[in-house]
């Protein structure tokens, strides 16, 4: 069972994603801030991270950079409502950049594809 960390400052999104991905058979942990995610990552291993960008305190781009310094092989999917950040070259460190949508089909597909590609499916 693949282990996923969902990082988003919106509680309703964390709850929705947690429920949806657990229903897909994944083990899911959540973090409400990038700093909390960095703390969790330093103590636990994950197979994939779903990371929001715009959060209070440390933003997702800074967190992505710190995650990649510690573990370049850990796939991160950026999941943001703001397409403009796609042009920031630091977001290119992520496995993919997904625009948030009420339809989670594409996000679920990218999670499954990424984990399969990494041999974690």
PDB file of N, CA and C in Angstrom:
ATOM      1  N   UNK A   1       0.852  -1.187   0.000  1.00  0.00           N
ATOM      2  CA  UNK A   1       0.000   0.000   0.000  1.00  0.00           C
ATOM      3  C   UNK A   1       0.888   1.237   0.000  1.00  0.00           C
ATOM      4  N   UNK A   2       0.695   2.083  -0.993  1.00  0.00           N
ATOM      5  CA  UNK A   2       1.477   3.313  -1.114  1.00  0.00           C
ATOM      6  C   UNK A   2       1.034   4.310  -0.046  1.00  0.00           C
ATOM      7  N   UNK A   3       2.007   5.064   0.428  1.00  0.00           N
ATOM      8  CA  UNK A   3       1.763   6.048   1.489  1.00  0.00           C
ATOM      9  C   UNK A   3       1.890   7.457   0.903  1.00  0.00           C
ATOM     10  N   UNK A   4       0.819   8.251   1.062  1.00  0.00           N
ATOM     11  CA  UNK A   4       0.726   9.591   0.479  1.00  0.00           C
ATOM     12  C   UNK A   4       0.601  10.633   1.592  1.00  0.00           C
ATOM     13  N   UNK A   5       1.267  11.772   1.399  1.00  0.00           N
ATOM     14  CA  UNK A   5       1.100  12.922   2.285  1.00  0.00           C
ATOM     15  C   UNK A   5       0.407  14.023   1.493  1.00  0.00           C
ATOM     16  N   UNK A   6      -0.709  14.505   2.028  1.00  0.00           N
ATOM     17  CA  UNK A   6      -1.467  15.591   1.409  1.00  0.00           C
ATOM     18  C   UNK A   6      -1.212  16.859   2.215  1.00  0.00           C
ATOM     19  N   UNK A   7      -0.735  17.901   1.534  1.00  0.00           N
ATOM     20  CA  UNK A   7      -0.390  19.157   2.196  1.00  0.00           C
ATOM     21  C   UNK A   7      -1.257  20.267   1.619  1.00  0.00           C
ATOM     22  N   UNK A   8      -2.169  20.785   2.439  1.00  0.00           N
ATOM     23  CA  UNK A   8      -3.065  21.853   2.000  1.00  0.00           C
ATOM     24  C   UNK A   8      -3.565  22.582   3.238  1.00  0.00           C
ATOM     25  N   UNK A   9      -3.640  23.904   3.165  1.00  0.00           N
ATOM     26  CA  UNK A   9      -4.084  24.680   4.317  1.00  0.00           C
ATOM     27  C   UNK A   9      -5.601  24.690   4.479  1.00  0.00           C
ATOM     28  N   UNK A  10      -6.331  24.208   3.483  1.00  0.00           N
ATOM     29  CA  UNK A  10      -7.794  24.178   3.575  1.00  0.00           C
ATOM     30  C   UNK A  10      -8.252  22.826   4.122  1.00  0.00           C
ATOM     31  N   UNK A  11      -8.872  22.865   5.296  1.00  0.00           N
ATOM     32  CA  UNK A  11      -9.282  21.631   5.981  1.00  0.00           C
ATOM     33  C   UNK A  11     -10.243  20.793   5.148  1.00  0.00           C
ATOM     34  N   UNK A  12     -11.175  21.458   4.461  1.00  0.00           N
ATOM     35  CA  UNK A  12     -12.148  20.691   3.665  1.00  0.00           C
ATOM     36  C   UNK A  12     -11.481  19.945   2.509  1.00  0.00           C
ATOM     37  N   UNK A  13     -10.455  20.528   1.919  1.00  0.00           N
ATOM     38  CA  UNK A  13      -9.725  19.853   0.842  1.00  0.00           C
ATOM     39  C   UNK A  13      -8.932  18.680   1.406  1.00  0.00           C
ATOM     40  N   UNK A  14      -8.263  18.890   2.540  1.00  0.00           N
ATOM     41  CA  UNK A  14      -7.515  17.783   3.164  1.00  0.00           C
ATOM     42  C   UNK A  14      -8.445  16.611   3.461  1.00  0.00           C
ATOM     43  N   UNK A  15      -9.612  16.907   4.023  1.00  0.00           N
ATOM     44  CA  UNK A  15     -10.565  15.849   4.378  1.00  0.00           C
ATOM     45  C   UNK A  15     -11.076  15.138   3.130  1.00  0.00           C
ATOM     46  N   UNK A  16     -11.442  15.890   2.107  1.00  0.00           N
ATOM     47  CA  UNK A  16     -11.925  15.303   0.859  1.00  0.00           C
ATOM     48  C   UNK A  16     -10.859  14.401   0.244  1.00  0.00           C
ATOM     49  N   UNK A  17      -9.650  14.919   0.089  1.00  0.00           N
ATOM     50  CA  UNK A  17      -8.572  14.147  -0.526  1.00  0.00           C
ATOM     51  C   UNK A  17      -8.240  12.919   0.317  1.00  0.00           C
ATOM     52  N   UNK A  18      -8.200  13.085   1.619  1.00  0.00           N
ATOM     53  CA  UNK A  18      -7.898  11.947   2.499  1.00  0.00           C
ATOM     54  C   UNK A  18      -8.921  10.828   2.291  1.00  0.00           C
ATOM     55  N   UNK A  19     -10.188  11.188   2.281  1.00  0.00           N
ATOM     56  CA  UNK A  19     -11.258  10.199   2.083  1.00  0.00           C
ATOM     57  C   UNK A  19     -11.157   9.550   0.712  1.00  0.00           C
ATOM     58  N   UNK A  20     -10.999  10.362  -0.317  1.00  0.00           N
ATOM     59  CA  UNK A  20     -10.946   9.847  -1.688  1.00  0.00           C
ATOM     60  C   UNK A  20      -9.754   8.911  -1.904  1.00  0.00           C
ATOM     61  N   UNK A  21      -8.594   9.296  -1.405  1.00  0.00           N
ATOM     62  CA  UNK A  21      -7.408   8.466  -1.635  1.00  0.00           C
ATOM     63  C   UNK A  21      -7.389   7.231  -0.735  1.00  0.00           C
ATOM     64  N   UNK A  22      -7.956   7.315   0.448  1.00  0.00           N
ATOM     65  CA  UNK A  22      -8.097   6.110   1.265  1.00  0.00           C
ATOM     66  C   UNK A  22      -9.046   5.126   0.578  1.00  0.00           C
ATOM     67  N   UNK A  23     -10.114   5.651  -0.030  1.00  0.00           N
ATOM     68  CA  UNK A  23     -11.044   4.795  -0.784  1.00  0.00           C
ATOM     69  C   UNK A  23     -10.347   4.128  -1.974  1.00  0.00           C
ATOM     70  N   UNK A  24      -9.296   4.761  -2.490  1.00  0.00           N
ATOM     71  CA  UNK A  24      -8.522   4.198  -3.601  1.00  0.00           C
ATOM     72  C   UNK A  24      -7.511   3.159  -3.103  1.00  0.00           C
ATOM     73  N   UNK A  25      -7.394   3.024  -1.775  1.00  0.00           N
ATOM     74  CA  UNK A  25      -6.502   2.013  -1.210  1.00  0.00           C
ATOM     75  C   UNK A  25      -5.152   2.524  -0.738  1.00  0.00           C
ATOM     76  N   UNK A  26      -4.982   3.835  -0.666  1.00  0.00           N
ATOM     77  CA  UNK A  26      -3.719   4.404  -0.209  1.00  0.00           C
ATOM     78  C   UNK A  26      -3.749   4.662   1.290  1.00  0.00           C
ATOM     79  N   UNK A  27      -2.580   4.633   1.909  1.00  0.00           N
ATOM     80  CA  UNK A  27      -2.435   5.078   3.289  1.00  0.00           C
ATOM     81  C   UNK A  27      -2.171   6.575   3.214  1.00  0.00           C
ATOM     82  N   UNK A  28      -2.968   7.376   3.912  1.00  0.00           N
ATOM     83  CA  UNK A  28      -2.912   8.831   3.749  1.00  0.00           C
ATOM     84  C   UNK A  28      -2.632   9.527   5.076  1.00  0.00           C
ATOM     85  N   UNK A  29      -1.703  10.479   5.026  1.00  0.00           N
ATOM     86  CA  UNK A  29      -1.464  11.408   6.125  1.00  0.00           C
ATOM     87  C   UNK A  29      -1.694  12.806   5.575  1.00  0.00           C
ATOM     88  N   UNK A  30      -1.975  13.753   6.461  1.00  0.00           N
ATOM     89  CA  UNK A  30      -2.213  15.123   6.012  1.00  0.00           C
ATOM     90  C   UNK A  30      -1.399  16.108   6.843  1.00  0.00           C
ATOM     91  N   UNK A  31      -1.155  17.267   6.240  1.00  0.00           N
ATOM     92  CA  UNK A  31      -0.497  18.380   6.918  1.00  0.00           C
ATOM     93  C   UNK A  31      -1.200  19.654   6.497  1.00  0.00           C
ATOM     94  N   UNK A  32      -1.402  20.563   7.451  1.00  0.00           N
ATOM     95  CA  UNK A  32      -2.111  21.803   7.140  1.00  0.00           C
ATOM     96  C   UNK A  32      -1.181  22.946   6.748  1.00  0.00           C
ATOM     97  N   UNK A  33       0.123  22.706   6.794  1.00  0.00           N
ATOM     98  CA  UNK A  33       1.079  23.742   6.390  1.00  0.00           C
ATOM     99  C   UNK A  33       2.323  23.073   5.821  1.00  0.00           C
ATOM    100  N   UNK A  34       3.074  23.849   5.074  1.00  0.00           N
ATOM    101  CA  UNK A  34       4.318  23.327   4.519  1.00  0.00           C
ATOM    102  C   UNK A  34       5.302  22.985   5.631  1.00  0.00           C
ATOM    103  N   UNK A  35       5.348  23.809   6.673  1.00  0.00           N
ATOM    104  CA  UNK A  35       6.267  23.531   7.772  1.00  0.00           C
ATOM    105  C   UNK A  35       5.901  22.230   8.485  1.00  0.00           C
ATOM    106  N   UNK A  36       4.608  22.011   8.703  1.00  0.00           N
ATOM    107  CA  UNK A  36       4.176  20.753   9.306  1.00  0.00           C
ATOM    108  C   UNK A  36       4.563  19.579   8.412  1.00  0.00           C
ATOM    109  N   UNK A  37       4.405  19.734   7.112  1.00  0.00           N
ATOM    110  CA  UNK A  37       4.775  18.677   6.167  1.00  0.00           C
ATOM    111  C   UNK A  37       6.268  18.375   6.252  1.00  0.00           C
ATOM    112  N   UNK A  38       7.094  19.411   6.304  1.00  0.00           N
ATOM    113  CA  UNK A  38       8.542  19.199   6.405  1.00  0.00           C
ATOM    114  C   UNK A  38       8.893  18.459   7.683  1.00  0.00           C
ATOM    115  N   UNK A  39       8.214  18.791   8.772  1.00  0.00           N
ATOM    116  CA  UNK A  39       8.437  18.093  10.050  1.00  0.00           C
ATOM    117  C   UNK A  39       8.045  16.622   9.938  1.00  0.00           C
ATOM    118  N   UNK A  40       6.902  16.359   9.325  1.00  0.00           N
ATOM    119  CA  UNK A  40       6.421  14.984   9.166  1.00  0.00           C
ATOM    120  C   UNK A  40       7.367  14.190   8.261  1.00  0.00           C
ATOM    121  N   UNK A  41       7.801  14.791   7.174  1.00  0.00           N
ATOM    122  CA  UNK A  41       8.688  14.116   6.224  1.00  0.00           C
ATOM    123  C   UNK A  41      10.020  13.752   6.875  1.00  0.00           C
ATOM    124  N   UNK A  42      10.456  14.558   7.836  1.00  0.00           N
ATOM    125  CA  UNK A  42      11.729  14.258   8.502  1.00  0.00           C
ATOM    126  C   UNK A  42      11.613  13.028   9.410  1.00  0.00           C
ATOM    127  N   UNK A  43      10.382  12.624   9.756  1.00  0.00           N
ATOM    128  CA  UNK A  43      10.174  11.487  10.659  1.00  0.00           C
ATOM    129  C   UNK A  43       9.596  10.258   9.979  1.00  0.00           C
ATOM    130  N   UNK A  44       8.916  10.447   8.842  1.00  0.00           N
ATOM    131  CA  UNK A  44       8.234   9.340   8.172  1.00  0.00           C
ATOM    132  C   UNK A  44       8.610   9.294   6.702  1.00  0.00           C
ATOM    133  N   UNK A  45       8.484   8.108   6.116  1.00  0.00           N
ATOM    134  CA  UNK A  45       8.727   7.942   4.687  1.00  0.00           C
ATOM    135  C   UNK A  45       7.399   7.916   3.938  1.00  0.00           C
ATOM    136  N   UNK A  46       7.386   8.553   2.794  1.00  0.00           N
ATOM    137  CA  UNK A  46       6.203   8.589   1.940  1.00  0.00           C
ATOM    138  C   UNK A  46       6.595   8.173   0.534  1.00  0.00           C
ATOM    139  N   UNK A  47       5.599   7.685  -0.198  1.00  0.00           N
ATOM    140  CA  UNK A  47       5.816   7.302  -1.584  1.00  0.00           C
ATOM    141  C   UNK A  47       5.484   8.438  -2.543  1.00  0.00           C
ATOM    142  N   UNK A  48       4.686   9.416  -2.053  1.00  0.00           N
ATOM    143  CA  UNK A  48       4.269  10.530  -2.905  1.00  0.00           C
ATOM    144  C   UNK A  48       3.707  11.637  -2.030  1.00  0.00           C
ATOM    145  N   UNK A  49       3.896  12.882  -2.476  1.00  0.00           N
ATOM    146  CA  UNK A  49       3.343  14.044  -1.778  1.00  0.00           C
ATOM    147  C   UNK A  49       2.483  14.841  -2.750  1.00  0.00           C
ATOM    148  N   UNK A  50       1.309  15.230  -2.276  1.00  0.00           N
ATOM    149  CA  UNK A  50       0.439  16.157  -3.015  1.00  0.00           C
ATOM    150  C   UNK A  50       0.552  17.482  -2.272  1.00  0.00           C
ATOM    151  N   UNK A  51       1.054  18.506  -2.951  1.00  0.00           N
ATOM    152  CA  UNK A  51       1.458  19.745  -2.292  1.00  0.00           C
ATOM    153  C   UNK A  51       0.769  20.967  -2.884  1.00  0.00           C
ATOM    154  N   UNK A  52       0.084  21.729  -2.030  1.00  0.00           N
ATOM    155  CA  UNK A  52      -0.480  23.013  -2.425  1.00  0.00           C
ATOM    156  C   UNK A  52       0.647  24.045  -2.452  1.00  0.00           C
ATOM    157  N   UNK A  53       0.439  25.158  -3.127  1.00  0.00           N
ATOM    158  CA  UNK A  53       1.475  26.195  -3.186  1.00  0.00           C
ATOM    159  C   UNK A  53       1.187  27.338  -2.226  1.00  0.00           C
ATOM    160  N   UNK A  54       0.007  27.936  -2.337  1.00  0.00           N
ATOM    161  CA  UNK A  54      -0.295  29.123  -1.535  1.00  0.00           C
ATOM    162  C   UNK A  54      -0.823  28.719  -0.172  1.00  0.00           C
ATOM    163  N   UNK A  55       0.078  28.839   0.820  1.00  0.00           N
ATOM    164  CA  UNK A  55      -0.260  28.531   2.210  1.00  0.00           C
ATOM    165  C   UNK A  55       0.414  29.575   3.096  1.00  0.00           C
ATOM    166  N   UNK A  56      -0.147  29.814   4.270  1.00  0.00           N
ATOM    167  CA  UNK A  56       0.486  30.758   5.193  1.00  0.00           C
ATOM    168  C   UNK A  56       1.857  30.245   5.645  1.00  0.00           C
ATOM    169  N   UNK A  57       2.739  31.171   5.957  1.00  0.00           N
ATOM    170  CA  UNK A  57       4.076  30.772   6.408  1.00  0.00           C
ATOM    171  C   UNK A  57       4.912  30.328   5.225  1.00  0.00           C
ATOM    172  N   UNK A  58       5.543  29.182   5.352  1.00  0.00           N
ATOM    173  CA  UNK A  58       6.355  28.626   4.272  1.00  0.00           C
ATOM    174  C   UNK A  58       5.417  28.226   3.128  1.00  0.00           C
ATOM    175  N   UNK A  59       5.705  28.702   1.919  1.00  0.00           N
ATOM    176  CA  UNK A  59       4.837  28.333   0.796  1.00  0.00           C
ATOM    177  C   UNK A  59       5.264  26.989   0.205  1.00  0.00           C
ATOM    178  N   UNK A  60       4.444  26.469  -0.672  1.00  0.00           N
ATOM    179  CA  UNK A  60       4.695  25.170  -1.254  1.00  0.00           C
ATOM    180  C   UNK A  60       5.945  25.106  -2.114  1.00  0.00           C
ATOM    181  N   UNK A  61       6.279  26.204  -2.775  1.00  0.00           N
ATOM    182  CA  UNK A  61       7.477  26.214  -3.620  1.00  0.00           C
ATOM    183  C   UNK A  61       8.731  26.092  -2.764  1.00  0.00           C
ATOM    184  N   UNK A  62       8.777  26.826  -1.652  1.00  0.00           N
ATOM    185  CA  UNK A  62       9.925  26.711  -0.736  1.00  0.00           C
ATOM    186  C   UNK A  62       9.992  25.310  -0.143  1.00  0.00           C
ATOM    187  N   UNK A  63       8.832  24.764   0.201  1.00  0.00           N
ATOM    188  CA  UNK A  63       8.796  23.403   0.755  1.00  0.00           C
ATOM    189  C   UNK A  63       9.274  22.397  -0.285  1.00  0.00           C
ATOM    190  N   UNK A  64       8.845  22.553  -1.532  1.00  0.00           N
ATOM    191  CA  UNK A  64       9.267  21.652  -2.600  1.00  0.00           C
ATOM    192  C   UNK A  64      10.788  21.651  -2.732  1.00  0.00           C
ATOM    193  N   UNK A  65      11.371  22.830  -2.693  1.00  0.00           N
ATOM    194  CA  UNK A  65      12.821  22.942  -2.799  1.00  0.00           C
ATOM    195  C   UNK A  65      13.506  22.200  -1.646  1.00  0.00           C
ATOM    196  N   UNK A  66      12.992  22.352  -0.429  1.00  0.00           N
ATOM    197  CA  UNK A  66      13.579  21.678   0.736  1.00  0.00           C
ATOM    198  C   UNK A  66      13.392  20.165   0.656  1.00  0.00           C
ATOM    199  N   UNK A  67      12.237  19.737   0.165  1.00  0.00           N
ATOM    200  CA  UNK A  67      11.981  18.303   0.011  1.00  0.00           C
ATOM    201  C   UNK A  67      12.964  17.708  -0.991  1.00  0.00           C
ATOM    202  N   UNK A  68      13.176  18.387  -2.105  1.00  0.00           N
ATOM    203  CA  UNK A  68      14.067  17.872  -3.147  1.00  0.00           C
ATOM    204  C   UNK A  68      15.523  17.820  -2.686  1.00  0.00           C
ATOM    205  N   UNK A  69      15.921  18.755  -1.837  1.00  0.00           N
ATOM    206  CA  UNK A  69      17.283  18.729  -1.302  1.00  0.00           C
ATOM    207  C   UNK A  69      17.477  17.480  -0.440  1.00  0.00           C
ATOM    208  N   UNK A  70      16.451  17.124   0.335  1.00  0.00           N
ATOM    209  CA  UNK A  70      16.549  15.960   1.231  1.00  0.00           C
ATOM    210  C   UNK A  70      16.352  14.638   0.494  1.00  0.00           C
ATOM    211  N   UNK A  71      15.444  14.613  -0.477  1.00  0.00           N
ATOM    212  CA  UNK A  71      15.134  13.353  -1.152  1.00  0.00           C
ATOM    213  C   UNK A  71      14.661  13.630  -2.574  1.00  0.00           C
ATOM    214  N   UNK A  72      15.584  13.692  -3.490  1.00  0.00           N
ATOM    215  CA  UNK A  72      15.282  14.014  -4.889  1.00  0.00           C
ATOM    216  C   UNK A  72      14.378  12.965  -5.539  1.00  0.00           C
ATOM    217  N   UNK A  73      14.357  11.764  -4.984  1.00  0.00           N
ATOM    218  CA  UNK A  73      13.575  10.681  -5.579  1.00  0.00           C
ATOM    219  C   UNK A  73      12.134  10.626  -5.091  1.00  0.00           C
ATOM    220  N   UNK A  74      11.767  11.481  -4.166  1.00  0.00           N
ATOM    221  CA  UNK A  74      10.401  11.500  -3.643  1.00  0.00           C
ATOM    222  C   UNK A  74       9.514  12.292  -4.605  1.00  0.00           C
ATOM    223  N   UNK A  75       8.546  11.640  -5.250  1.00  0.00           N
ATOM    224  CA  UNK A  75       7.706  12.369  -6.200  1.00  0.00           C
ATOM    225  C   UNK A  75       6.732  13.318  -5.498  1.00  0.00           C
ATOM    226  N   UNK A  76       6.669  14.533  -6.030  1.00  0.00           N
ATOM    227  CA  UNK A  76       5.768  15.550  -5.514  1.00  0.00           C
ATOM    228  C   UNK A  76       4.871  16.007  -6.664  1.00  0.00           C
ATOM    229  N   UNK A  77       3.574  15.990  -6.417  1.00  0.00           N
ATOM    230  CA  UNK A  77       2.615  16.540  -7.365  1.00  0.00           C
ATOM    231  C   UNK A  77       2.128  17.859  -6.785  1.00  0.00           C
ATOM    232  N   UNK A  78       2.368  18.936  -7.496  1.00  0.00           N
ATOM    233  CA  UNK A  78       1.837  20.225  -7.054  1.00  0.00           C
ATOM    234  C   UNK A  78       0.367  20.253  -7.455  1.00  0.00           C
ATOM    235  N   UNK A  79      -0.465  20.648  -6.509  1.00  0.00           N
ATOM    236  CA  UNK A  79      -1.905  20.716  -6.728  1.00  0.00           C
ATOM    237  C   UNK A  79      -2.351  22.105  -6.287  1.00  0.00           C
ATOM    238  N   UNK A  80      -2.522  22.995  -7.251  1.00  0.00           N
ATOM    239  CA  UNK A  80      -2.768  24.399  -6.935  1.00  0.00           C
ATOM    240  C   UNK A  80      -3.926  24.959  -7.747  1.00  0.00           C
ATOM    241  N   UNK A  81      -4.609  25.917  -7.165  1.00  0.00           N
ATOM    242  CA  UNK A  81      -5.679  26.614  -7.877  1.00  0.00           C
ATOM    243  C   UNK A  81      -5.112  27.740  -8.751  1.00  0.00           C
ATOM    244  N   UNK A  82      -3.804  27.949  -8.698  1.00  0.00           N
ATOM    245  CA  UNK A  82      -3.187  29.082  -9.377  1.00  0.00           C
ATOM    246  C   UNK A  82      -2.258  28.614 -10.498  1.00  0.00           C
ATOM    247  N   UNK A  83      -2.715  28.657 -11.739  1.00  0.00           N
ATOM    248  CA  UNK A  83      -1.884  28.196 -12.852  1.00  0.00           C
ATOM    249  C   UNK A  83      -0.658  29.071 -13.103  1.00  0.00           C
ATOM    250  N   UNK A  84      -0.658  30.308 -12.642  1.00  0.00           N
ATOM    251  CA  UNK A  84       0.454  31.217 -12.913  1.00  0.00           C
ATOM    252  C   UNK A  84       1.777  30.712 -12.344  1.00  0.00           C
ATOM    253  N   UNK A  85       1.735  29.940 -11.279  1.00  0.00           N
ATOM    254  CA  UNK A  85       2.969  29.440 -10.670  1.00  0.00           C
ATOM    255  C   UNK A  85       3.666  28.393 -11.542  1.00  0.00           C
ATOM    256  N   UNK A  86       2.971  27.876 -12.533  1.00  0.00           N
ATOM    257  CA  UNK A  86       3.570  26.893 -13.439  1.00  0.00           C
ATOM    258  C   UNK A  86       4.807  27.464 -14.132  1.00  0.00           C
ATOM    259  N   UNK A  87       4.852  28.770 -14.283  1.00  0.00           N
ATOM    260  CA  UNK A  87       5.976  29.424 -14.951  1.00  0.00           C
ATOM    261  C   UNK A  87       7.193  29.586 -14.046  1.00  0.00           C
ATOM    262  N   UNK A  88       7.043  29.363 -12.758  1.00  0.00           N
ATOM    263  CA  UNK A  88       8.162  29.459 -11.826  1.00  0.00           C
ATOM    264  C   UNK A  88       9.032  28.216 -12.011  1.00  0.00           C
ATOM    265  N   UNK A  89      10.279  28.415 -12.387  1.00  0.00           N
ATOM    266  CA  UNK A  89      11.132  27.261 -12.702  1.00  0.00           C
ATOM    267  C   UNK A  89      11.304  26.318 -11.517  1.00  0.00           C
ATOM    268  N   UNK A  90      11.144  26.779 -10.287  1.00  0.00           N
ATOM    269  CA  UNK A  90      11.270  25.889  -9.133  1.00  0.00           C
ATOM    270  C   UNK A  90      10.152  24.842  -9.097  1.00  0.00           C
ATOM    271  N   UNK A  91       8.994  25.164  -9.679  1.00  0.00           N
ATOM    272  CA  UNK A  91       7.915  24.172  -9.709  1.00  0.00           C
ATOM    273  C   UNK A  91       8.249  23.023 -10.659  1.00  0.00           C
ATOM    274  N   UNK A  92       9.234  23.212 -11.514  1.00  0.00           N
ATOM    275  CA  UNK A  92       9.630  22.155 -12.444  1.00  0.00           C
ATOM    276  C   UNK A  92      10.297  20.993 -11.722  1.00  0.00           C
ATOM    277  N   UNK A  93      10.654  21.189 -10.446  1.00  0.00           N
ATOM    278  CA  UNK A  93      11.205  20.100  -9.643  1.00  0.00           C
ATOM    279  C   UNK A  93      10.141  19.039  -9.344  1.00  0.00           C
ATOM    280  N   UNK A  94       8.888  19.451  -9.419  1.00  0.00           N
ATOM    281  CA  UNK A  94       7.784  18.531  -9.119  1.00  0.00           C
ATOM    282  C   UNK A  94       7.578  17.565 -10.272  1.00  0.00           C
ATOM    283  N   UNK A  95       7.010  16.422  -9.947  1.00  0.00           N
ATOM    284  CA  UNK A  95       6.680  15.410 -10.951  1.00  0.00           C
ATOM    285  C   UNK A  95       5.640  15.952 -11.941  1.00  0.00           C
ATOM    286  N   UNK A  96       4.689  16.727 -11.418  1.00  0.00           N
ATOM    287  CA  UNK A  96       3.652  17.305 -12.273  1.00  0.00           C
ATOM    288  C   UNK A  96       3.015  18.483 -11.543  1.00  0.00           C
ATOM    289  N   UNK A  97       2.351  19.333 -12.302  1.00  0.00           N
ATOM    290  CA  UNK A  97       1.651  20.508 -11.778  1.00  0.00           C
ATOM    291  C   UNK A  97       0.196  20.364 -12.187  1.00  0.00           C
ATOM    292  N   UNK A  98      -0.670  20.183 -11.216  1.00  0.00           N
ATOM    293  CA  UNK A  98      -2.083  19.923 -11.485  1.00  0.00           C
ATOM    294  C   UNK A  98      -2.914  21.084 -10.962  1.00  0.00           C
ATOM    295  N   UNK A  99      -3.804  21.582 -11.796  1.00  0.00           N
ATOM    296  CA  UNK A  99      -4.696  22.660 -11.385  1.00  0.00           C
ATOM    297  C   UNK A  99      -5.869  22.031 -10.623  1.00  0.00           C
ATOM    298  N   UNK A 100      -6.139  22.565  -9.434  1.00  0.00           N
ATOM    299  CA  UNK A 100      -7.228  22.041  -8.605  1.00  0.00           C
ATOM    300  C   UNK A 100      -8.548  22.091  -9.360  1.00  0.00           C
ATOM    301  N   UNK A 101      -9.335  21.055  -9.137  1.00  0.00           N
ATOM    302  CA  UNK A 101     -10.631  20.942  -9.786  1.00  0.00           C
ATOM    303  C   UNK A 101     -11.569  20.194  -8.854  1.00  0.00           C
ATOM    304  N   UNK A 102     -12.862  20.416  -9.032  1.00  0.00           N
ATOM    305  CA  UNK A 102     -13.832  19.660  -8.235  1.00  0.00           C
ATOM    306  C   UNK A 102     -13.883  18.202  -8.689  1.00  0.00           C
ATOM    307  N   UNK A 103     -13.398  17.916  -9.889  1.00  0.00           N
ATOM    308  CA  UNK A 103     -13.296  16.551 -10.397  1.00  0.00           C
ATOM    309  C   UNK A 103     -11.903  16.027 -10.065  1.00  0.00           C
ATOM    310  N   UNK A 104     -11.829  15.056  -9.156  1.00  0.00           N
ATOM    311  CA  UNK A 104     -10.539  14.535  -8.728  1.00  0.00           C
ATOM    312  C   UNK A 104     -10.000  13.436  -9.638  1.00  0.00           C
ATOM    313  N   UNK A 105     -10.700  13.153 -10.721  1.00  0.00           N
ATOM    314  CA  UNK A 105     -10.297  12.090 -11.631  1.00  0.00           C
ATOM    315  C   UNK A 105      -8.886  12.254 -12.164  1.00  0.00           C
ATOM    316  N   UNK A 106      -8.544  13.456 -12.601  1.00  0.00           N
ATOM    317  CA  UNK A 106      -7.212  13.675 -13.174  1.00  0.00           C
ATOM    318  C   UNK A 106      -6.138  13.543 -12.090  1.00  0.00           C
ATOM    319  N   UNK A 107      -6.381  14.105 -10.921  1.00  0.00           N
ATOM    320  CA  UNK A 107      -5.411  14.000  -9.826  1.00  0.00           C
ATOM    321  C   UNK A 107      -5.204  12.533  -9.445  1.00  0.00           C
ATOM    322  N   UNK A 108      -6.284  11.787  -9.330  1.00  0.00           N
ATOM    323  CA  UNK A 108      -6.169  10.359  -8.999  1.00  0.00           C
ATOM    324  C   UNK A 108      -5.375   9.613 -10.067  1.00  0.00           C
ATOM    325  N   UNK A 109      -5.633   9.946 -11.325  1.00  0.00           N
ATOM    326  CA  UNK A 109      -4.916   9.308 -12.434  1.00  0.00           C
ATOM    327  C   UNK A 109      -3.422   9.600 -12.345  1.00  0.00           C
ATOM    328  N   UNK A 110      -3.058  10.850 -12.076  1.00  0.00           N
ATOM    329  CA  UNK A 110      -1.643  11.225 -11.995  1.00  0.00           C
ATOM    330  C   UNK A 110      -0.967  10.562 -10.802  1.00  0.00           C
ATOM    331  N   UNK A 111      -1.679  10.440  -9.688  1.00  0.00           N
ATOM    332  CA  UNK A 111      -1.119   9.750  -8.520  1.00  0.00           C
ATOM    333  C   UNK A 111      -0.829   8.296  -8.888  1.00  0.00           C
ATOM    334  N   UNK A 112      -1.808   7.627  -9.475  1.00  0.00           N
ATOM    335  CA  UNK A 112      -1.636   6.217  -9.849  1.00  0.00           C
ATOM    336  C   UNK A 112      -0.495   6.047 -10.854  1.00  0.00           C
ATOM    337  N   UNK A 113      -0.440   6.903 -11.873  1.00  0.00           N
ATOM    338  CA  UNK A 113       0.616   6.820 -12.883  1.00  0.00           C
ATOM    339  C   UNK A 113       1.996   7.047 -12.274  1.00  0.00           C
ATOM    340  N   UNK A 114       2.096   8.039 -11.415  1.00  0.00           N
ATOM    341  CA  UNK A 114       3.386   8.362 -10.797  1.00  0.00           C
ATOM    342  C   UNK A 114       3.865   7.213  -9.922  1.00  0.00           C
ATOM    343  N   UNK A 115       2.957   6.664  -9.121  1.00  0.00           N
ATOM    344  CA  UNK A 115       3.346   5.567  -8.242  1.00  0.00           C
ATOM    345  C   UNK A 115       3.702   4.316  -9.054  1.00  0.00           C
ATOM    346  N   UNK A 116       2.954   4.075 -10.124  1.00  0.00           N
ATOM    347  CA  UNK A 116       3.250   2.916 -10.974  1.00  0.00           C
ATOM    348  C   UNK A 116       4.618   3.065 -11.621  1.00  0.00           C
ATOM    349  N   UNK A 117       4.894   4.260 -12.118  1.00  0.00           N
ATOM    350  CA  UNK A 117       6.183   4.540 -12.753  1.00  0.00           C
ATOM    351  C   UNK A 117       7.333   4.335 -11.762  1.00  0.00           C
ATOM    352  N   UNK A 118       7.087   4.615 -10.507  1.00  0.00           N
ATOM    353  CA  UNK A 118       8.107   4.466  -9.465  1.00  0.00           C
ATOM    354  C   UNK A 118       8.115   3.077  -8.829  1.00  0.00           C
ATOM    355  N   UNK A 119       7.237   2.202  -9.319  1.00  0.00           N
ATOM    356  CA  UNK A 119       7.166   0.846  -8.778  1.00  0.00           C
ATOM    357  C   UNK A 119       6.530   0.768  -7.409  1.00  0.00           C
ATOM    358  N   UNK A 120       5.668   1.723  -7.084  1.00  0.00           N
ATOM    359  CA  UNK A 120       5.032   1.785  -5.756  1.00  0.00           C
ATOM    360  C   UNK A 120       3.539   1.499  -5.802  1.00  0.00           C
ATOM    361  N   UNK A 121       3.020   1.171  -6.977  1.00  0.00           N
ATOM    362  CA  UNK A 121       1.571   0.956  -7.111  1.00  0.00           C
ATOM    363  C   UNK A 121       1.144  -0.356  -6.509  1.00  0.00           C
TER     364      UNK A 121
END
